[in-house]
Amino acid sequence: MSKRLKELHEAISECLRSVVESPRREAELLLMAYLGKDQLYFITHQDELIDENDPRLCEWVDKRSANVPLEYLTNRVSFYSKEFYIDEGALIPRPETEHLIDEIYARYKSDEAITIVEVGVGSGIISILLARYFTKARFIAVDISPRALAVARRNIEAFGLCDRIELREGDLLSCVSESIDLLVSNPPYIAHDAPLESNLSYEPQNALFGGEIGDEIIRRLLDEVYARHIPMFVCEMGYDQRIKVQEYLKPFSVQSLEFYKDLASFDRGFVLKALHE
C-alpha cells in the first residue's frame, strides 16, 4: 500500500513519539535517508506516493522504535558540517567533540609540520578534520578495535587522506615508537557502573567505559605524556572529571592546564602543556 509522503511522515512520527525527543524531525531524517534525497526534495514532494510496506523502510522504523540509533540505520553521521560513514563498529560522534577540534585549531597554525597521534580513532572524524587543516602534519591514528579501524579506513578513503593518516591497531601508544608533538584523544571515560541511556547499549562498549572509576584510561594517557615527553595533550573527558585530572597531575610538571566547556557549560575536556626535564 502506498501513502503520500506527508502522511507517511505523520505515521512514522507517531511511531517514534514515545522513543525520541523530536519524533517529527527524526521521521523526516529517516525518510530522507530512505529516499536518498535532501530536505528541499522532502519539502517539495509531500504528495509523492511511497510504498509504506517496503521491507527496508519497515525495518528502519521498527529498529528506531526500539531505540537503535538513527545513524546506525542510515550509516550516516554529521560532524563539523561534514558527513561521515558510521556503523556499529564505532562510537557515534557527538557535537561536544567539535569543541576538541576547535581547541586544537586555536593553538596551532595550519602549516605546522608536526606529528599528531590520535588514540582511539573510532570513526576517524577527528584525524580527518585535523588532516584537512594541518596540510603538512603527519598523522598516526590508533585504535584497539579492528571494527573501528575499518570504519575509520572507509572515511579516510572517502576524504582522500590515505597517504596522510596511518592507521594502527594497538592499545594506547603501544604501537607508536615515533616522537609525538601533539597527542589527541576522546577516550572512554564512563564508569562501569554508570547508568546509560538505552540507545547507548547499541554502541561499542569498549568506546564508552573507561574503567571502574571512569578516568583510568585518561590517567594512563597522562602517564604516557610524561613517559614519552609529549609537549601537548588535548583530551575530552567526563563533565565531573576536572578535579580528578587536576589531582592526578599534581606530582607532574605542568606549563599550563586549561579546561574547556561544551555548549551546556559542562566541563568537557582539557589542554595540557607538559614540562619535561
Protein backbone atom coordinates (compact mmCIF):
# COMPACT_ATOMS: atom_id res chain seq x y z
CA MET A 1 0.00 0.00 0.00
CA SER A 2 1.25 3.46 -0.85
CA LYS A 3 0.90 6.66 1.17
CA ARG A 4 1.67 10.21 0.35
CA LEU A 5 4.99 11.32 1.81
CA LYS A 6 3.36 13.75 4.22
CA GLU A 7 1.02 11.03 5.52
CA LEU A 8 3.89 8.58 5.92
CA HIS A 9 5.84 11.26 7.75
CA GLU A 10 2.97 11.64 10.23
CA ALA A 11 2.64 7.88 10.70
CA ILE A 12 6.34 7.38 11.41
CA SER A 13 6.39 10.40 13.72
CA GLU A 14 3.64 8.77 15.74
CA CYS A 15 5.60 5.52 15.96
CA LEU A 16 8.61 7.39 17.35
CA ARG A 17 6.74 9.71 19.69
CA SER A 18 7.42 7.72 22.84
CA VAL A 19 11.04 6.99 21.94
CA VAL A 20 12.73 10.21 20.81
CA GLU A 21 12.59 13.87 21.81
CA SER A 22 11.90 15.17 18.29
CA PRO A 23 9.81 12.50 16.52
CA ARG A 24 8.86 14.64 13.51
CA ARG A 25 12.46 15.62 12.82
CA GLU A 26 13.67 12.05 13.29
CA ALA A 27 10.97 10.74 10.95
CA GLU A 28 11.97 13.37 8.41
CA LEU A 29 15.66 12.38 8.61
CA LEU A 30 14.77 8.70 8.35
CA LEU A 31 12.63 9.27 5.27
CA MET A 32 15.23 11.49 3.59
CA ALA A 33 17.87 8.80 4.10
CA TYR A 34 15.50 6.10 2.88
CA LEU A 35 14.67 8.10 -0.26
CA GLY A 36 18.25 9.26 -0.77
CA LYS A 37 17.00 12.84 -1.03
CA ASP A 38 17.72 16.16 0.68
CA GLN A 39 15.42 18.38 2.73
CA LEU A 40 14.39 20.53 -0.23
CA TYR A 41 13.14 17.43 -2.04
CA PHE A 42 11.32 16.32 1.10
CA ILE A 43 9.54 19.66 1.40
CA THR A 44 8.58 19.94 -2.28
CA HIS A 45 7.41 16.32 -2.78
CA GLN A 46 4.93 15.93 0.07
CA ASP A 47 2.34 14.34 -2.23
CA GLU A 48 4.71 11.72 -3.69
CA LEU A 49 3.45 8.17 -3.18
CA ILE A 50 5.70 5.93 -1.10
CA ASP A 51 5.36 2.18 -0.51
CA GLU A 52 4.85 2.03 3.25
CA ASN A 53 5.37 -1.76 3.24
CA ASP A 54 8.87 -1.67 1.76
CA PRO A 55 10.87 -4.15 3.95
CA ARG A 56 13.84 -1.80 4.38
CA LEU A 57 11.66 1.10 5.49
CA CYS A 58 9.68 -1.12 7.86
CA GLU A 59 12.91 -2.48 9.35
CA TRP A 60 14.26 1.03 9.92
CA VAL A 61 11.07 2.18 11.62
CA ASP A 62 10.92 -0.94 13.82
CA LYS A 63 14.57 -0.60 14.85
CA ARG A 64 14.34 3.12 15.52
CA SER A 65 11.22 2.46 17.59
CA ALA A 66 13.39 0.08 19.63
CA ASN A 67 15.88 2.97 20.13
CA VAL A 68 18.51 1.76 17.67
CA PRO A 69 20.39 4.99 16.81
CA LEU A 70 19.28 6.54 13.54
CA GLU A 71 22.92 6.95 12.50
CA TYR A 72 23.46 3.17 12.56
CA LEU A 73 20.37 2.63 10.42
CA THR A 74 21.31 5.18 7.77
CA ASN A 75 25.09 4.71 8.11
CA ARG A 76 25.41 8.48 8.10
CA VAL A 77 26.53 10.95 10.74
CA SER A 78 27.06 14.70 10.51
CA PHE A 79 30.02 16.20 12.32
CA TYR A 80 31.55 19.65 11.94
CA SER A 81 29.33 20.27 8.89
CA LYS A 82 30.71 17.19 7.12
CA GLU A 83 29.03 13.84 6.53
CA PHE A 84 30.76 10.61 7.54
CA TYR A 85 30.07 6.90 7.31
CA ILE A 86 29.21 5.17 10.59
CA ASP A 87 28.21 1.68 11.71
CA GLU A 88 28.09 -0.34 14.93
CA GLY A 89 31.87 -0.78 14.91
CA ALA A 90 32.47 2.78 16.10
CA LEU A 91 31.03 5.23 18.57
CA ILE A 92 28.67 7.81 17.06
CA PRO A 93 30.42 11.21 17.12
CA ARG A 94 28.80 13.74 19.43
CA PRO A 95 28.56 17.50 18.84
CA GLU A 96 30.53 18.05 22.07
CA THR A 97 33.65 16.65 20.40
CA GLU A 98 33.63 19.55 17.95
CA HIS A 99 34.96 21.65 20.85
CA LEU A 100 38.08 19.46 20.96
CA ILE A 101 38.71 20.28 17.30
CA ASP A 102 38.24 24.00 17.99
CA GLU A 103 40.73 23.93 20.87
CA ILE A 104 43.40 22.48 18.59
CA TYR A 105 42.68 24.89 15.73
CA ALA A 106 43.06 27.80 18.17
CA ARG A 107 46.54 26.73 19.27
CA TYR A 108 48.34 25.80 16.06
CA LYS A 109 48.94 27.29 12.65
CA SER A 110 47.68 25.19 9.75
CA ASP A 111 51.11 24.90 8.09
CA GLU A 112 52.96 23.41 11.08
CA ALA A 113 54.87 20.24 10.18
CA ILE A 114 54.19 18.28 13.35
CA THR A 115 53.47 14.67 14.22
CA ILE A 116 49.95 14.22 15.58
CA VAL A 117 48.80 10.96 17.15
CA GLU A 118 45.17 10.20 17.93
CA VAL A 119 44.43 7.44 20.42
CA GLY A 120 41.01 5.86 19.98
CA VAL A 121 40.41 6.91 16.39
CA GLY A 122 36.92 5.39 16.25
CA SER A 123 35.18 6.58 13.09
CA GLY A 124 38.19 8.70 12.12
CA ILE A 125 36.43 12.05 12.26
CA ILE A 126 38.98 13.84 14.47
CA SER A 127 42.04 12.79 12.48
CA ILE A 128 40.29 13.56 9.19
CA LEU A 129 39.32 17.09 10.19
CA LEU A 130 42.77 17.77 11.61
CA ALA A 131 44.46 16.39 8.49
CA ARG A 132 42.37 18.70 6.33
CA TYR A 133 43.54 21.63 8.47
CA PHE A 134 47.18 20.67 9.08
CA THR A 135 48.33 20.20 5.49
CA LYS A 136 51.97 19.47 6.42
CA ALA A 137 51.44 17.35 9.52
CA ARG A 138 52.00 13.61 9.86
CA PHE A 139 49.14 11.61 11.39
CA ILE A 140 49.12 8.28 13.19
CA ALA A 141 45.68 7.10 14.34
CA VAL A 142 45.40 4.18 16.76
CA ASP A 143 42.53 2.03 17.97
CA ILE A 144 42.33 -1.27 19.81
CA SER A 145 39.24 -2.31 17.80
CA PRO A 146 39.62 -3.75 14.28
CA ARG A 147 35.96 -2.89 13.61
CA ALA A 148 36.54 0.76 14.49
CA LEU A 149 39.63 0.84 12.30
CA ALA A 150 37.54 -0.48 9.40
CA VAL A 151 35.07 2.41 9.84
CA ALA A 152 37.92 4.91 10.08
CA ARG A 153 39.58 3.50 6.97
CA ARG A 154 36.36 3.85 4.99
CA ASN A 155 36.04 7.51 5.97
CA ILE A 156 39.72 8.25 5.40
CA GLU A 157 39.45 6.76 1.91
CA ALA A 158 36.30 8.80 1.20
CA PHE A 159 38.15 12.01 2.05
CA GLY A 160 41.23 11.02 0.03
CA LEU A 161 43.56 11.04 3.04
CA CYS A 162 45.06 7.54 2.93
CA ASP A 163 48.53 8.96 2.30
CA ARG A 164 48.22 11.38 5.22
CA ILE A 165 46.71 9.28 8.02
CA GLU A 166 48.34 5.99 9.02
CA LEU A 167 46.07 3.60 10.91
CA ARG A 168 47.49 1.23 13.52
CA GLU A 169 45.90 -1.36 15.77
CA GLY A 170 47.03 -1.33 19.37
CA ASP A 171 46.40 -0.38 22.98
CA LEU A 172 47.01 3.34 23.55
CA LEU A 173 50.56 4.11 22.34
CA SER A 174 51.88 0.54 22.37
CA CYS A 175 52.24 0.56 18.57
CA VAL A 176 53.75 4.04 18.27
CA SER A 177 57.51 4.46 18.64
CA GLU A 178 57.80 7.82 16.89
CA SER A 179 58.29 11.15 18.65
CA ILE A 180 54.92 12.88 19.17
CA ASP A 181 54.28 16.63 19.06
CA LEU A 182 50.56 16.53 19.77
CA LEU A 183 48.56 13.74 21.38
CA VAL A 184 44.79 13.85 20.86
CA SER A 185 42.15 11.58 22.33
CA ASN A 186 38.45 11.24 23.01
CA PRO A 187 38.88 8.15 25.19
CA PRO A 188 36.30 6.05 27.01
CA TYR A 189 35.59 7.90 30.27
CA ILE A 190 32.36 6.46 31.69
CA ALA A 191 32.48 4.40 34.90
CA HIS A 192 31.49 0.74 34.53
CA ASP A 193 28.54 1.05 36.91
CA ALA A 194 27.17 4.29 35.45
CA PRO A 195 23.59 4.04 34.16
CA LEU A 196 23.32 4.57 30.41
CA GLU A 197 20.54 5.72 28.14
CA SER A 198 19.06 2.75 26.28
CA ASN A 199 20.32 3.88 22.88
CA LEU A 200 23.93 3.70 24.14
CA SER A 201 23.56 -0.05 24.58
CA TYR A 202 23.84 -0.37 20.80
CA GLU A 203 27.21 1.41 20.68
CA PRO A 204 30.60 -0.32 21.21
CA GLN A 205 31.03 -0.63 24.95
CA ASN A 206 34.83 -0.52 24.84
CA ALA A 207 34.50 3.00 23.42
CA LEU A 208 32.32 4.12 26.34
CA PHE A 209 33.61 2.60 29.57
CA GLY A 210 36.94 3.84 30.90
CA GLY A 211 37.17 1.54 33.92
CA GLU A 212 35.70 1.08 37.38
CA ILE A 213 36.04 4.78 38.16
CA GLY A 214 35.89 6.01 34.57
CA ASP A 215 39.08 8.04 34.27
CA GLU A 216 41.53 5.13 34.19
CA ILE A 217 42.37 5.48 30.50
CA ILE A 218 42.80 9.24 30.85
CA ARG A 219 45.30 8.61 33.65
CA ARG A 220 47.17 6.07 31.52
CA LEU A 221 47.38 8.61 28.71
CA LEU A 222 48.69 11.26 31.12
CA ASP A 223 51.38 8.78 32.18
CA GLU A 224 52.28 8.33 28.51
CA VAL A 225 52.56 12.10 28.03
CA TYR A 226 55.31 12.24 30.63
CA ALA A 227 56.97 8.92 29.84
CA ARG A 228 57.18 9.86 26.15
CA HIS A 229 57.95 13.58 26.62
CA ILE A 230 54.92 14.70 24.65
CA PRO A 231 54.62 18.51 24.83
CA MET A 232 50.85 18.88 24.20
CA PHE A 233 47.86 16.70 25.02
CA VAL A 234 44.26 17.59 24.13
CA CYS A 235 41.66 15.26 25.62
CA GLU A 236 37.91 15.00 26.03
CA MET A 237 36.64 13.93 29.45
CA GLY A 238 33.53 13.48 31.54
CA TYR A 239 31.75 16.54 32.92
CA ASP A 240 32.71 15.52 36.50
CA GLN A 241 36.37 14.63 35.97
CA ARG A 242 38.07 18.03 36.19
CA ILE A 243 39.13 17.68 39.82
CA LYS A 244 40.37 14.13 39.23
CA VAL A 245 42.59 15.30 36.36
CA GLN A 246 43.94 18.18 38.46
CA GLU A 247 44.69 15.88 41.39
CA TYR A 248 46.41 13.29 39.21
CA LEU A 249 48.68 15.91 37.67
CA LYS A 250 49.91 17.34 40.99
CA PRO A 251 53.14 15.26 41.01
CA PHE A 252 53.92 16.25 37.40
CA SER A 253 55.46 19.43 35.97
CA VAL A 254 52.84 21.42 34.11
CA GLN A 255 53.36 24.50 31.98
CA SER A 256 49.62 25.04 31.65
CA LEU A 257 46.40 23.10 32.13
CA GLU A 258 43.27 24.61 30.58
CA PHE A 259 39.79 23.13 30.74
CA TYR A 260 37.15 23.88 28.15
CA LYS A 261 33.36 23.63 28.34
CA ASP A 262 30.65 22.42 25.98
CA LEU A 263 27.59 24.41 24.91
CA ALA A 264 25.75 23.34 28.06
CA SER A 265 28.60 24.87 30.15
CA PHE A 266 29.76 21.48 31.41
CA ASP A 267 33.48 20.74 31.63
CA ARG A 268 34.18 18.66 28.53
CA GLY A 269 37.95 18.44 28.09
CA PHE A 270 41.39 19.83 28.78
CA VAL A 271 44.52 21.05 27.05
CA LEU A 272 47.75 20.11 28.80
CA LYS A 273 51.11 21.67 28.04
CA ALA A 274 53.59 19.45 29.86
CA LEU A 275 57.04 20.40 31.13
CA HIS A 276 59.75 17.80 30.60
CA GLU A 277 63.25 17.76 32.07
